[in-house]
ModelCIF file with pLDDT and N, C-alpha, C, O atoms, coordinates in Angstrom:
data_MODEL
#
_entry.id   MODEL 
#
_entity.id                         1 
_entity.type                       polymer 
_entity.pdbx_number_of_molecules   1 
#
_entity_poly.entity_id                      1 
_entity_poly.type                           'polypeptide(L)' 
_entity_poly.nstd_linkage                   no 
_entity_poly.nstd_monomer                   no 
_entity_poly.pdbx_seq_one_letter_code       LTYDSYNTSIYQLIPKIKQRLEKARSSNEPVIFTKDIPIQYKDS 
_entity_poly.pdbx_seq_one_letter_code_can   LTYDSYNTSIYQLIPKIKQRLEKARSSNEPVIFTKDIPIQYKDS 
_entity_poly.pdbx_strand_id                 A 
#
loop_
_entity_poly_seq.entity_id 
_entity_poly_seq.num 
_entity_poly_seq.mon_id 
_entity_poly_seq.hetero 
1 1  LEU n 
1 2  THR n 
1 3  TYR n 
1 4  ASP n 
1 5  SER n 
1 6  TYR n 
1 7  ASN n 
1 8  THR n 
1 9  SER n 
1 10 ILE n 
1 11 TYR n 
1 12 GLN n 
1 13 LEU n 
1 14 ILE n 
1 15 PRO n 
1 16 LYS n 
1 17 ILE n 
1 18 LYS n 
1 19 GLN n 
1 20 ARG n 
1 21 LEU n 
1 22 GLU n 
1 23 LYS n 
1 24 ALA n 
1 25 ARG n 
1 26 SER n 
1 27 SER n 
1 28 ASN n 
1 29 GLU n 
1 30 PRO n 
1 31 VAL n 
1 32 ILE n 
1 33 PHE n 
1 34 THR n 
1 35 LYS n 
1 36 ASP n 
1 37 ILE n 
1 38 PRO n 
1 39 ILE n 
1 40 GLN n 
1 41 TYR n 
1 42 LYS n 
1 43 ASP n 
1 44 SER n 
#
_struct_asym.id          A 
_struct_asym.entity_id   1 
#
loop_
_ma_qa_metric.id 
_ma_qa_metric.mode 
_ma_qa_metric.name 
_ma_qa_metric.software_group_id 
_ma_qa_metric.type 
1 global pLDDT . pLDDT 
2 local  pLDDT . pLDDT 
#
_ma_qa_metric_global.metric_id      1 
_ma_qa_metric_global.metric_value   94.36 
_ma_qa_metric_global.model_id       1 
_ma_qa_metric_global.ordinal_id     1 
#
loop_
_ma_qa_metric_local.label_asym_id 
_ma_qa_metric_local.label_comp_id 
_ma_qa_metric_local.label_seq_id 
_ma_qa_metric_local.metric_id 
_ma_qa_metric_local.metric_value 
_ma_qa_metric_local.model_id 
_ma_qa_metric_local.ordinal_id 
A LEU 1  2 88.00 1 1  
A THR 2  2 88.00 1 2  
A TYR 3  2 88.00 1 3  
A ASP 4  2 84.00 1 4  
A SER 5  2 84.00 1 5  
A TYR 6  2 85.00 1 6  
A ASN 7  2 82.00 1 7  
A THR 8  2 86.00 1 8  
A SER 9  2 89.00 1 9  
A ILE 10 2 93.00 1 10 
A TYR 11 2 94.00 1 11 
A GLN 12 2 95.00 1 12 
A LEU 13 2 96.00 1 13 
A ILE 14 2 97.00 1 14 
A PRO 15 2 98.00 1 15 
A LYS 16 2 98.00 1 16 
A ILE 17 2 98.00 1 17 
A LYS 18 2 98.00 1 18 
A GLN 19 2 98.00 1 19 
A ARG 20 2 98.00 1 20 
A LEU 21 2 98.00 1 21 
A GLU 22 2 98.00 1 22 
A LYS 23 2 98.00 1 23 
A ALA 24 2 98.00 1 24 
A ARG 25 2 98.00 1 25 
A SER 26 2 98.00 1 26 
A SER 27 2 97.00 1 27 
A ASN 28 2 97.00 1 28 
A GLU 29 2 97.00 1 29 
A PRO 30 2 98.00 1 30 
A VAL 31 2 98.00 1 31 
A ILE 32 2 98.00 1 32 
A PHE 33 2 98.00 1 33 
A THR 34 2 98.00 1 34 
A LYS 35 2 97.00 1 35 
A ASP 36 2 96.00 1 36 
A ILE 37 2 96.00 1 37 
A PRO 38 2 93.00 1 38 
A ILE 39 2 95.00 1 39 
A GLN 40 2 95.00 1 40 
A TYR 41 2 95.00 1 41 
A LYS 42 2 93.00 1 42 
A ASP 43 2 92.00 1 43 
A SER 44 2 94.00 1 44 
#
loop_
_atom_site.group_PDB 
_atom_site.id 
_atom_site.type_symbol 
_atom_site.label_atom_id 
_atom_site.label_alt_id 
_atom_site.label_comp_id 
_atom_site.label_asym_id 
_atom_site.label_entity_id 
_atom_site.label_seq_id 
_atom_site.pdbx_PDB_ins_code 
_atom_site.Cartn_x 
_atom_site.Cartn_y 
_atom_site.Cartn_z 
_atom_site.occupancy 
_atom_site.B_iso_or_equiv 
_atom_site.pdbx_formal_charge 
_atom_site.auth_seq_id 
_atom_site.auth_comp_id 
_atom_site.auth_asym_id 
_atom_site.auth_atom_id 
_atom_site.pdbx_PDB_model_num 
ATOM 1   N N  . LEU A 1 1  ? 190.421 135.571 -13.708 1.00 88.00 ? 1  LEU A N  1 
ATOM 2   C CA . LEU A 1 1  ? 189.423 136.153 -12.799 1.00 88.00 ? 1  LEU A CA 1 
ATOM 3   C C  . LEU A 1 1  ? 187.985 135.983 -13.275 1.00 88.00 ? 1  LEU A C  1 
ATOM 4   O O  . LEU A 1 1  ? 187.062 136.048 -12.463 1.00 88.00 ? 1  LEU A O  1 
ATOM 5   N N  . THR A 1 2  ? 187.777 135.770 -14.553 1.00 88.00 ? 2  THR A N  1 
ATOM 6   C CA . THR A 1 2  ? 186.414 135.672 -15.081 1.00 88.00 ? 2  THR A CA 1 
ATOM 7   C C  . THR A 1 2  ? 185.787 134.295 -14.869 1.00 88.00 ? 2  THR A C  1 
ATOM 8   O O  . THR A 1 2  ? 184.605 134.105 -15.157 1.00 88.00 ? 2  THR A O  1 
ATOM 9   N N  . TYR A 1 3  ? 186.561 133.337 -14.373 1.00 88.00 ? 3  TYR A N  1 
ATOM 10  C CA . TYR A 1 3  ? 186.038 131.988 -14.140 1.00 88.00 ? 3  TYR A CA 1 
ATOM 11  C C  . TYR A 1 3  ? 185.786 131.744 -12.664 1.00 88.00 ? 3  TYR A C  1 
ATOM 12  O O  . TYR A 1 3  ? 186.509 132.247 -11.804 1.00 88.00 ? 3  TYR A O  1 
ATOM 13  N N  . ASP A 1 4  ? 184.747 130.962 -12.381 1.00 84.00 ? 4  ASP A N  1 
ATOM 14  C CA . ASP A 1 4  ? 184.444 130.589 -10.992 1.00 84.00 ? 4  ASP A CA 1 
ATOM 15  C C  . ASP A 1 4  ? 185.574 129.808 -10.347 1.00 84.00 ? 4  ASP A C  1 
ATOM 16  O O  . ASP A 1 4  ? 185.719 129.818 -9.124  1.00 84.00 ? 4  ASP A O  1 
ATOM 17  N N  . SER A 1 5  ? 186.360 129.146 -11.143 1.00 84.00 ? 5  SER A N  1 
ATOM 18  C CA . SER A 1 5  ? 187.444 128.314 -10.609 1.00 84.00 ? 5  SER A CA 1 
ATOM 19  C C  . SER A 1 5  ? 188.701 129.114 -10.258 1.00 84.00 ? 5  SER A C  1 
ATOM 20  O O  . SER A 1 5  ? 189.675 128.544 -9.766  1.00 84.00 ? 5  SER A O  1 
ATOM 21  N N  . TYR A 1 6  ? 188.688 130.431 -10.507 1.00 85.00 ? 6  TYR A N  1 
ATOM 22  C CA . TYR A 1 6  ? 189.849 131.260 -10.159 1.00 85.00 ? 6  TYR A CA 1 
ATOM 23  C C  . TYR A 1 6  ? 190.183 131.045 -8.687  1.00 85.00 ? 6  TYR A C  1 
ATOM 24  O O  . TYR A 1 6  ? 189.299 131.010 -7.831  1.00 85.00 ? 6  TYR A O  1 
ATOM 25  N N  . ASN A 1 7  ? 191.488 130.902 -8.411  1.00 82.00 ? 7  ASN A N  1 
ATOM 26  C CA . ASN A 1 7  ? 191.910 130.560 -7.066  1.00 82.00 ? 7  ASN A CA 1 
ATOM 27  C C  . ASN A 1 7  ? 193.266 131.213 -6.802  1.00 82.00 ? 7  ASN A C  1 
ATOM 28  O O  . ASN A 1 7  ? 194.257 130.879 -7.452  1.00 82.00 ? 7  ASN A O  1 
ATOM 29  N N  . THR A 1 8  ? 193.307 132.132 -5.860  1.00 86.00 ? 8  THR A N  1 
ATOM 30  C CA . THR A 1 8  ? 194.553 132.864 -5.585  1.00 86.00 ? 8  THR A CA 1 
ATOM 31  C C  . THR A 1 8  ? 195.663 131.961 -5.059  1.00 86.00 ? 8  THR A C  1 
ATOM 32  O O  . THR A 1 8  ? 196.838 132.292 -5.219  1.00 86.00 ? 8  THR A O  1 
ATOM 33  N N  . SER A 1 9  ? 195.332 130.843 -4.442  1.00 89.00 ? 9  SER A N  1 
ATOM 34  C CA . SER A 1 9  ? 196.373 129.958 -3.906  1.00 89.00 ? 9  SER A CA 1 
ATOM 35  C C  . SER A 1 9  ? 197.137 129.216 -5.007  1.00 89.00 ? 9  SER A C  1 
ATOM 36  O O  . SER A 1 9  ? 198.164 128.593 -4.737  1.00 89.00 ? 9  SER A O  1 
ATOM 37  N N  . ILE A 1 10 ? 196.649 129.279 -6.222  1.00 93.00 ? 10 ILE A N  1 
ATOM 38  C CA . ILE A 1 10 ? 197.300 128.587 -7.330  1.00 93.00 ? 10 ILE A CA 1 
ATOM 39  C C  . ILE A 1 10 ? 198.712 129.115 -7.561  1.00 93.00 ? 10 ILE A C  1 
ATOM 40  O O  . ILE A 1 10 ? 199.614 128.358 -7.918  1.00 93.00 ? 10 ILE A O  1 
ATOM 41  N N  . TYR A 1 11 ? 198.896 130.407 -7.358  1.00 94.00 ? 11 TYR A N  1 
ATOM 42  C CA . TYR A 1 11 ? 200.214 131.003 -7.599  1.00 94.00 ? 11 TYR A CA 1 
ATOM 43  C C  . TYR A 1 11 ? 201.294 130.373 -6.713  1.00 94.00 ? 11 TYR A C  1 
ATOM 44  O O  . TYR A 1 11 ? 202.437 130.231 -7.147  1.00 94.00 ? 11 TYR A O  1 
ATOM 45  N N  . GLN A 1 12 ? 200.951 129.997 -5.489  1.00 95.00 ? 12 GLN A N  1 
ATOM 46  C CA . GLN A 1 12 ? 201.898 129.323 -4.608  1.00 95.00 ? 12 GLN A CA 1 
ATOM 47  C C  . GLN A 1 12 ? 201.966 127.820 -4.897  1.00 95.00 ? 12 GLN A C  1 
ATOM 48  O O  . GLN A 1 12 ? 202.983 127.177 -4.633  1.00 95.00 ? 12 GLN A O  1 
ATOM 49  N N  . LEU A 1 13 ? 200.886 127.270 -5.437  1.00 96.00 ? 13 LEU A N  1 
ATOM 50  C CA . LEU A 1 13 ? 200.811 125.831 -5.681  1.00 96.00 ? 13 LEU A CA 1 
ATOM 51  C C  . LEU A 1 13 ? 201.607 125.407 -6.919  1.00 96.00 ? 13 LEU A C  1 
ATOM 52  O O  . LEU A 1 13 ? 202.219 124.339 -6.918  1.00 96.00 ? 13 LEU A O  1 
ATOM 53  N N  . ILE A 1 14 ? 201.607 126.214 -7.955  1.00 97.00 ? 14 ILE A N  1 
ATOM 54  C CA . ILE A 1 14 ? 202.252 125.839 -9.217  1.00 97.00 ? 14 ILE A CA 1 
ATOM 55  C C  . ILE A 1 14 ? 203.720 125.447 -9.028  1.00 97.00 ? 14 ILE A C  1 
ATOM 56  O O  . ILE A 1 14 ? 204.111 124.377 -9.495  1.00 97.00 ? 14 ILE A O  1 
ATOM 57  N N  . PRO A 1 15 ? 204.552 126.260 -8.367  1.00 98.00 ? 15 PRO A N  1 
ATOM 58  C CA . PRO A 1 15 ? 205.964 125.848 -8.233  1.00 98.00 ? 15 PRO A CA 1 
ATOM 59  C C  . PRO A 1 15 ? 206.140 124.557 -7.425  1.00 98.00 ? 15 PRO A C  1 
ATOM 60  O O  . PRO A 1 15 ? 207.052 123.775 -7.695  1.00 98.00 ? 15 PRO A O  1 
ATOM 61  N N  . LYS A 1 16 ? 205.280 124.337 -6.446  1.00 98.00 ? 16 LYS A N  1 
ATOM 62  C CA . LYS A 1 16 ? 205.373 123.110 -5.648  1.00 98.00 ? 16 LYS A CA 1 
ATOM 63  C C  . LYS A 1 16 ? 205.028 121.888 -6.496  1.00 98.00 ? 16 LYS A C  1 
ATOM 64  O O  . LYS A 1 16 ? 205.706 120.863 -6.424  1.00 98.00 ? 16 LYS A O  1 
ATOM 65  N N  . ILE A 1 17 ? 203.971 122.004 -7.298  1.00 98.00 ? 17 ILE A N  1 
ATOM 66  C CA . ILE A 1 17 ? 203.590 120.887 -8.165  1.00 98.00 ? 17 ILE A CA 1 
ATOM 67  C C  . ILE A 1 17 ? 204.643 120.687 -9.248  1.00 98.00 ? 17 ILE A C  1 
ATOM 68  O O  . ILE A 1 17 ? 204.950 119.551 -9.609  1.00 98.00 ? 17 ILE A O  1 
ATOM 69  N N  . LYS A 1 18 ? 205.194 121.765 -9.763  1.00 98.00 ? 18 LYS A N  1 
ATOM 70  C CA . LYS A 1 18 ? 206.255 121.651 -10.770 1.00 98.00 ? 18 LYS A CA 1 
ATOM 71  C C  . LYS A 1 18 ? 207.452 120.893 -10.203 1.00 98.00 ? 18 LYS A C  1 
ATOM 72  O O  . LYS A 1 18 ? 208.036 120.054 -10.888 1.00 98.00 ? 18 LYS A O  1 
ATOM 73  N N  . GLN A 1 19 ? 207.813 121.179 -8.974  1.00 98.00 ? 19 GLN A N  1 
ATOM 74  C CA . GLN A 1 19 ? 208.929 120.474 -8.325  1.00 98.00 ? 19 GLN A CA 1 
ATOM 75  C C  . GLN A 1 19 ? 208.604 118.984 -8.175  1.00 98.00 ? 19 GLN A C  1 
ATOM 76  O O  . GLN A 1 19 ? 209.460 118.134 -8.423  1.00 98.00 ? 19 GLN A O  1 
ATOM 77  N N  . ARG A 1 20 ? 207.378 118.670 -7.771  1.00 98.00 ? 20 ARG A N  1 
ATOM 78  C CA . ARG A 1 20 ? 206.962 117.265 -7.624  1.00 98.00 ? 20 ARG A CA 1 
ATOM 79  C C  . ARG A 1 20 ? 206.956 116.576 -8.991  1.00 98.00 ? 20 ARG A C  1 
ATOM 80  O O  . ARG A 1 20 ? 207.347 115.415 -9.107  1.00 98.00 ? 20 ARG A O  1 
ATOM 81  N N  . LEU A 1 21 ? 206.512 117.294 -10.020 1.00 98.00 ? 21 LEU A N  1 
ATOM 82  C CA . LEU A 1 21 ? 206.494 116.755 -11.380 1.00 98.00 ? 21 LEU A CA 1 
ATOM 83  C C  . LEU A 1 21 ? 207.914 116.443 -11.849 1.00 98.00 ? 21 LEU A C  1 
ATOM 84  O O  . LEU A 1 21 ? 208.152 115.384 -12.430 1.00 98.00 ? 21 LEU A O  1 
ATOM 85  N N  . GLU A 1 22 ? 208.833 117.327 -11.610 1.00 98.00 ? 22 GLU A N  1 
ATOM 86  C CA . GLU A 1 22 ? 210.235 117.099 -11.993 1.00 98.00 ? 22 GLU A CA 1 
ATOM 87  C C  . GLU A 1 22 ? 210.810 115.885 -11.271 1.00 98.00 ? 22 GLU A C  1 
ATOM 88  O O  . GLU A 1 22 ? 211.571 115.114 -11.856 1.00 98.00 ? 22 GLU A O  1 
ATOM 89  N N  . LYS A 1 23 ? 210.451 115.715 -10.010 1.00 98.00 ? 23 LYS A N  1 
ATOM 90  C CA . LYS A 1 23 ? 210.903 114.534 -9.257  1.00 98.00 ? 23 LYS A CA 1 
ATOM 91  C C  . LYS A 1 23 ? 210.349 113.256 -9.883  1.00 98.00 ? 23 LYS A C  1 
ATOM 92  O O  . LYS A 1 23 ? 211.068 112.268 -10.033 1.00 98.00 ? 23 LYS A O  1 
ATOM 93  N N  . ALA A 1 24 ? 209.065 113.282 -10.248 1.00 98.00 ? 24 ALA A N  1 
ATOM 94  C CA . ALA A 1 24 ? 208.450 112.104 -10.877 1.00 98.00 ? 24 ALA A CA 1 
ATOM 95  C C  . ALA A 1 24 ? 209.142 111.777 -12.200 1.00 98.00 ? 24 ALA A C  1 
ATOM 96  O O  . ALA A 1 24 ? 209.428 110.617 -12.496 1.00 98.00 ? 24 ALA A O  1 
ATOM 97  N N  . ARG A 1 25 ? 209.401 112.807 -12.978 1.00 98.00 ? 25 ARG A N  1 
ATOM 98  C CA . ARG A 1 25 ? 210.056 112.585 -14.271 1.00 98.00 ? 25 ARG A CA 1 
ATOM 99  C C  . ARG A 1 25 ? 211.466 112.045 -14.104 1.00 98.00 ? 25 ARG A C  1 
ATOM 100 O O  . ARG A 1 25 ? 211.880 111.160 -14.853 1.00 98.00 ? 25 ARG A O  1 
ATOM 101 N N  . SER A 1 26 ? 212.205 112.558 -13.141 1.00 98.00 ? 26 SER A N  1 
ATOM 102 C CA . SER A 1 26 ? 213.587 112.103 -12.954 1.00 98.00 ? 26 SER A CA 1 
ATOM 103 C C  . SER A 1 26 ? 213.664 110.658 -12.457 1.00 98.00 ? 26 SER A C  1 
ATOM 104 O O  . SER A 1 26 ? 214.683 109.991 -12.634 1.00 98.00 ? 26 SER A O  1 
ATOM 105 N N  . SER A 1 27 ? 212.588 110.180 -11.835 1.00 97.00 ? 27 SER A N  1 
ATOM 106 C CA . SER A 1 27 ? 212.577 108.799 -11.346 1.00 97.00 ? 27 SER A CA 1 
ATOM 107 C C  . SER A 1 27 ? 211.728 107.873 -12.227 1.00 97.00 ? 27 SER A C  1 
ATOM 108 O O  . SER A 1 27 ? 211.403 106.755 -11.826 1.00 97.00 ? 27 SER A O  1 
ATOM 109 N N  . ASN A 1 28 ? 211.376 108.342 -13.420 1.00 97.00 ? 28 ASN A N  1 
ATOM 110 C CA . ASN A 1 28 ? 210.577 107.560 -14.384 1.00 97.00 ? 28 ASN A CA 1 
ATOM 111 C C  . ASN A 1 28 ? 209.236 107.095 -13.827 1.00 97.00 ? 28 ASN A C  1 
ATOM 112 O O  . ASN A 1 28 ? 208.730 106.033 -14.189 1.00 97.00 ? 28 ASN A O  1 
ATOM 113 N N  . GLU A 1 29 ? 208.676 107.907 -12.943 1.00 97.00 ? 29 GLU A N  1 
ATOM 114 C CA . GLU A 1 29 ? 207.352 107.629 -12.391 1.00 97.00 ? 29 GLU A CA 1 
ATOM 115 C C  . GLU A 1 29 ? 206.305 108.019 -13.436 1.00 97.00 ? 29 GLU A C  1 
ATOM 116 O O  . GLU A 1 29 ? 206.407 109.099 -14.018 1.00 97.00 ? 29 GLU A O  1 
ATOM 117 N N  . PRO A 1 30 ? 205.313 107.182 -13.689 1.00 98.00 ? 30 PRO A N  1 
ATOM 118 C CA . PRO A 1 30 ? 204.272 107.571 -14.642 1.00 98.00 ? 30 PRO A CA 1 
ATOM 119 C C  . PRO A 1 30 ? 203.536 108.832 -14.173 1.00 98.00 ? 30 PRO A C  1 
ATOM 120 O O  . PRO A 1 30 ? 203.225 108.980 -12.991 1.00 98.00 ? 30 PRO A O  1 
ATOM 121 N N  . VAL A 1 31 ? 203.266 109.729 -15.112 1.00 98.00 ? 31 VAL A N  1 
ATOM 122 C CA . VAL A 1 31 ? 202.558 110.966 -14.822 1.00 98.00 ? 31 VAL A CA 1 
ATOM 123 C C  . VAL A 1 31 ? 201.304 111.015 -15.690 1.00 98.00 ? 31 VAL A C  1 
ATOM 124 O O  . VAL A 1 31 ? 201.362 110.831 -16.905 1.00 98.00 ? 31 VAL A O  1 
ATOM 125 N N  . ILE A 1 32 ? 200.174 111.267 -15.041 1.00 98.00 ? 32 ILE A N  1 
ATOM 126 C CA . ILE A 1 32 ? 198.898 111.387 -15.730 1.00 98.00 ? 32 ILE A CA 1 
ATOM 127 C C  . ILE A 1 32 ? 198.285 112.734 -15.356 1.00 98.00 ? 32 ILE A C  1 
ATOM 128 O O  . ILE A 1 32 ? 198.164 113.065 -14.176 1.00 98.00 ? 32 ILE A O  1 
ATOM 129 N N  . PHE A 1 33 ? 197.905 113.499 -16.360 1.00 98.00 ? 33 PHE A N  1 
ATOM 130 C CA . PHE A 1 33 ? 197.237 114.776 -16.160 1.00 98.00 ? 33 PHE A CA 1 
ATOM 131 C C  . PHE A 1 33 ? 195.750 114.604 -16.439 1.00 98.00 ? 33 PHE A C  1 
ATOM 132 O O  . PHE A 1 33 ? 195.365 113.872 -17.352 1.00 98.00 ? 33 PHE A O  1 
ATOM 133 N N  . THR A 1 34 ? 194.920 115.272 -15.659 1.00 98.00 ? 34 THR A N  1 
ATOM 134 C CA . THR A 1 34 ? 193.509 115.344 -16.025 1.00 98.00 ? 34 THR A CA 1 
ATOM 135 C C  . THR A 1 34 ? 193.210 116.770 -16.458 1.00 98.00 ? 34 THR A C  1 
ATOM 136 O O  . THR A 1 34 ? 193.788 117.735 -15.958 1.00 98.00 ? 34 THR A O  1 
ATOM 137 N N  . LYS A 1 35 ? 192.293 116.865 -17.400 1.00 97.00 ? 35 LYS A N  1 
ATOM 138 C CA . LYS A 1 35 ? 191.840 118.148 -17.912 1.00 97.00 ? 35 LYS A CA 1 
ATOM 139 C C  . LYS A 1 35 ? 190.321 118.124 -17.872 1.00 97.00 ? 35 LYS A C  1 
ATOM 140 O O  . LYS A 1 35 ? 189.689 117.252 -18.468 1.00 97.00 ? 35 LYS A O  1 
ATOM 141 N N  . ASP A 1 36 ? 189.748 119.074 -17.177 1.00 96.00 ? 36 ASP A N  1 
ATOM 142 C CA . ASP A 1 36 ? 188.298 119.120 -17.000 1.00 96.00 ? 36 ASP A CA 1 
ATOM 143 C C  . ASP A 1 36 ? 187.675 120.025 -18.065 1.00 96.00 ? 36 ASP A C  1 
ATOM 144 O O  . ASP A 1 36 ? 187.916 121.232 -18.095 1.00 96.00 ? 36 ASP A O  1 
ATOM 145 N N  . ILE A 1 37 ? 186.876 119.419 -18.928 1.00 96.00 ? 37 ILE A N  1 
ATOM 146 C CA . ILE A 1 37 ? 186.117 120.161 -19.932 1.00 96.00 ? 37 ILE A CA 1 
ATOM 147 C C  . ILE A 1 37 ? 184.643 119.969 -19.582 1.00 96.00 ? 37 ILE A C  1 
ATOM 148 O O  . ILE A 1 37 ? 184.146 118.844 -19.626 1.00 96.00 ? 37 ILE A O  1 
ATOM 149 N N  . PRO A 1 38 ? 183.935 121.046 -19.235 1.00 93.00 ? 38 PRO A N  1 
ATOM 150 C CA . PRO A 1 38 ? 182.520 120.895 -18.883 1.00 93.00 ? 38 PRO A CA 1 
ATOM 151 C C  . PRO A 1 38 ? 181.748 120.134 -19.962 1.00 93.00 ? 38 PRO A C  1 
ATOM 152 O O  . PRO A 1 38 ? 181.991 120.295 -21.158 1.00 93.00 ? 38 PRO A O  1 
ATOM 153 N N  . ILE A 1 39 ? 180.831 119.320 -19.512 1.00 95.00 ? 39 ILE A N  1 
ATOM 154 C CA . ILE A 1 39 ? 180.087 118.434 -20.409 1.00 95.00 ? 39 ILE A CA 1 
ATOM 155 C C  . ILE A 1 39 ? 179.403 119.203 -21.538 1.00 95.00 ? 39 ILE A C  1 
ATOM 156 O O  . ILE A 1 39 ? 179.273 118.685 -22.647 1.00 95.00 ? 39 ILE A O  1 
ATOM 157 N N  . GLN A 1 40 ? 178.965 120.435 -21.268 1.00 95.00 ? 40 GLN A N  1 
ATOM 158 C CA . GLN A 1 40 ? 178.276 121.187 -22.316 1.00 95.00 ? 40 GLN A CA 1 
ATOM 159 C C  . GLN A 1 40 ? 179.219 121.569 -23.466 1.00 95.00 ? 40 GLN A C  1 
ATOM 160 O O  . GLN A 1 40 ? 178.753 121.945 -24.542 1.00 95.00 ? 40 GLN A O  1 
ATOM 161 N N  . TYR A 1 41 ? 180.538 121.478 -23.250 1.00 95.00 ? 41 TYR A N  1 
ATOM 162 C CA . TYR A 1 41 ? 181.498 121.802 -24.307 1.00 95.00 ? 41 TYR A CA 1 
ATOM 163 C C  . TYR A 1 41 ? 182.101 120.571 -24.967 1.00 95.00 ? 41 TYR A C  1 
ATOM 164 O O  . TYR A 1 41 ? 182.924 120.685 -25.875 1.00 95.00 ? 41 TYR A O  1 
ATOM 165 N N  . LYS A 1 42 ? 181.692 119.404 -24.511 1.00 93.00 ? 42 LYS A N  1 
ATOM 166 C CA . LYS A 1 42 ? 182.213 118.164 -25.085 1.00 93.00 ? 42 LYS A CA 1 
ATOM 167 C C  . LYS A 1 42 ? 181.973 118.157 -26.589 1.00 93.00 ? 42 LYS A C  1 
ATOM 168 O O  . LYS A 1 42 ? 180.880 118.482 -27.054 1.00 93.00 ? 42 LYS A O  1 
ATOM 169 N N  . ASP A 1 43 ? 182.992 117.787 -27.339 1.00 92.00 ? 43 ASP A N  1 
ATOM 170 C CA . ASP A 1 43 ? 182.913 117.689 -28.802 1.00 92.00 ? 43 ASP A CA 1 
ATOM 171 C C  . ASP A 1 43 ? 182.548 119.006 -29.481 1.00 92.00 ? 43 ASP A C  1 
ATOM 172 O O  . ASP A 1 43 ? 181.932 119.002 -30.547 1.00 92.00 ? 43 ASP A O  1 
ATOM 173 N N  . SER A 1 44 ? 182.922 120.127 -28.878 1.00 94.00 ? 44 SER A N  1 
ATOM 174 C CA . SER A 1 44 ? 182.656 121.422 -29.500 1.00 94.00 ? 44 SER A CA 1 
ATOM 175 C C  . SER A 1 44 ? 183.950 122.223 -29.597 1.00 94.00 ? 44 SER A C  1 
ATOM 176 O O  . SER A 1 44 ? 183.943 123.349 -30.095 1.00 94.00 ? 44 SER A O  1 
#
């Protein structure tokens, strides 16, 4: 809740993405994750 990116729809989204991720893994589909680190925290 303390971050601007807080999003109540995430609770419903996580299981759906997890299911899609499991499908990708079971079919040997490449999976790439992105992680957003604000530029002001780079290398800190």
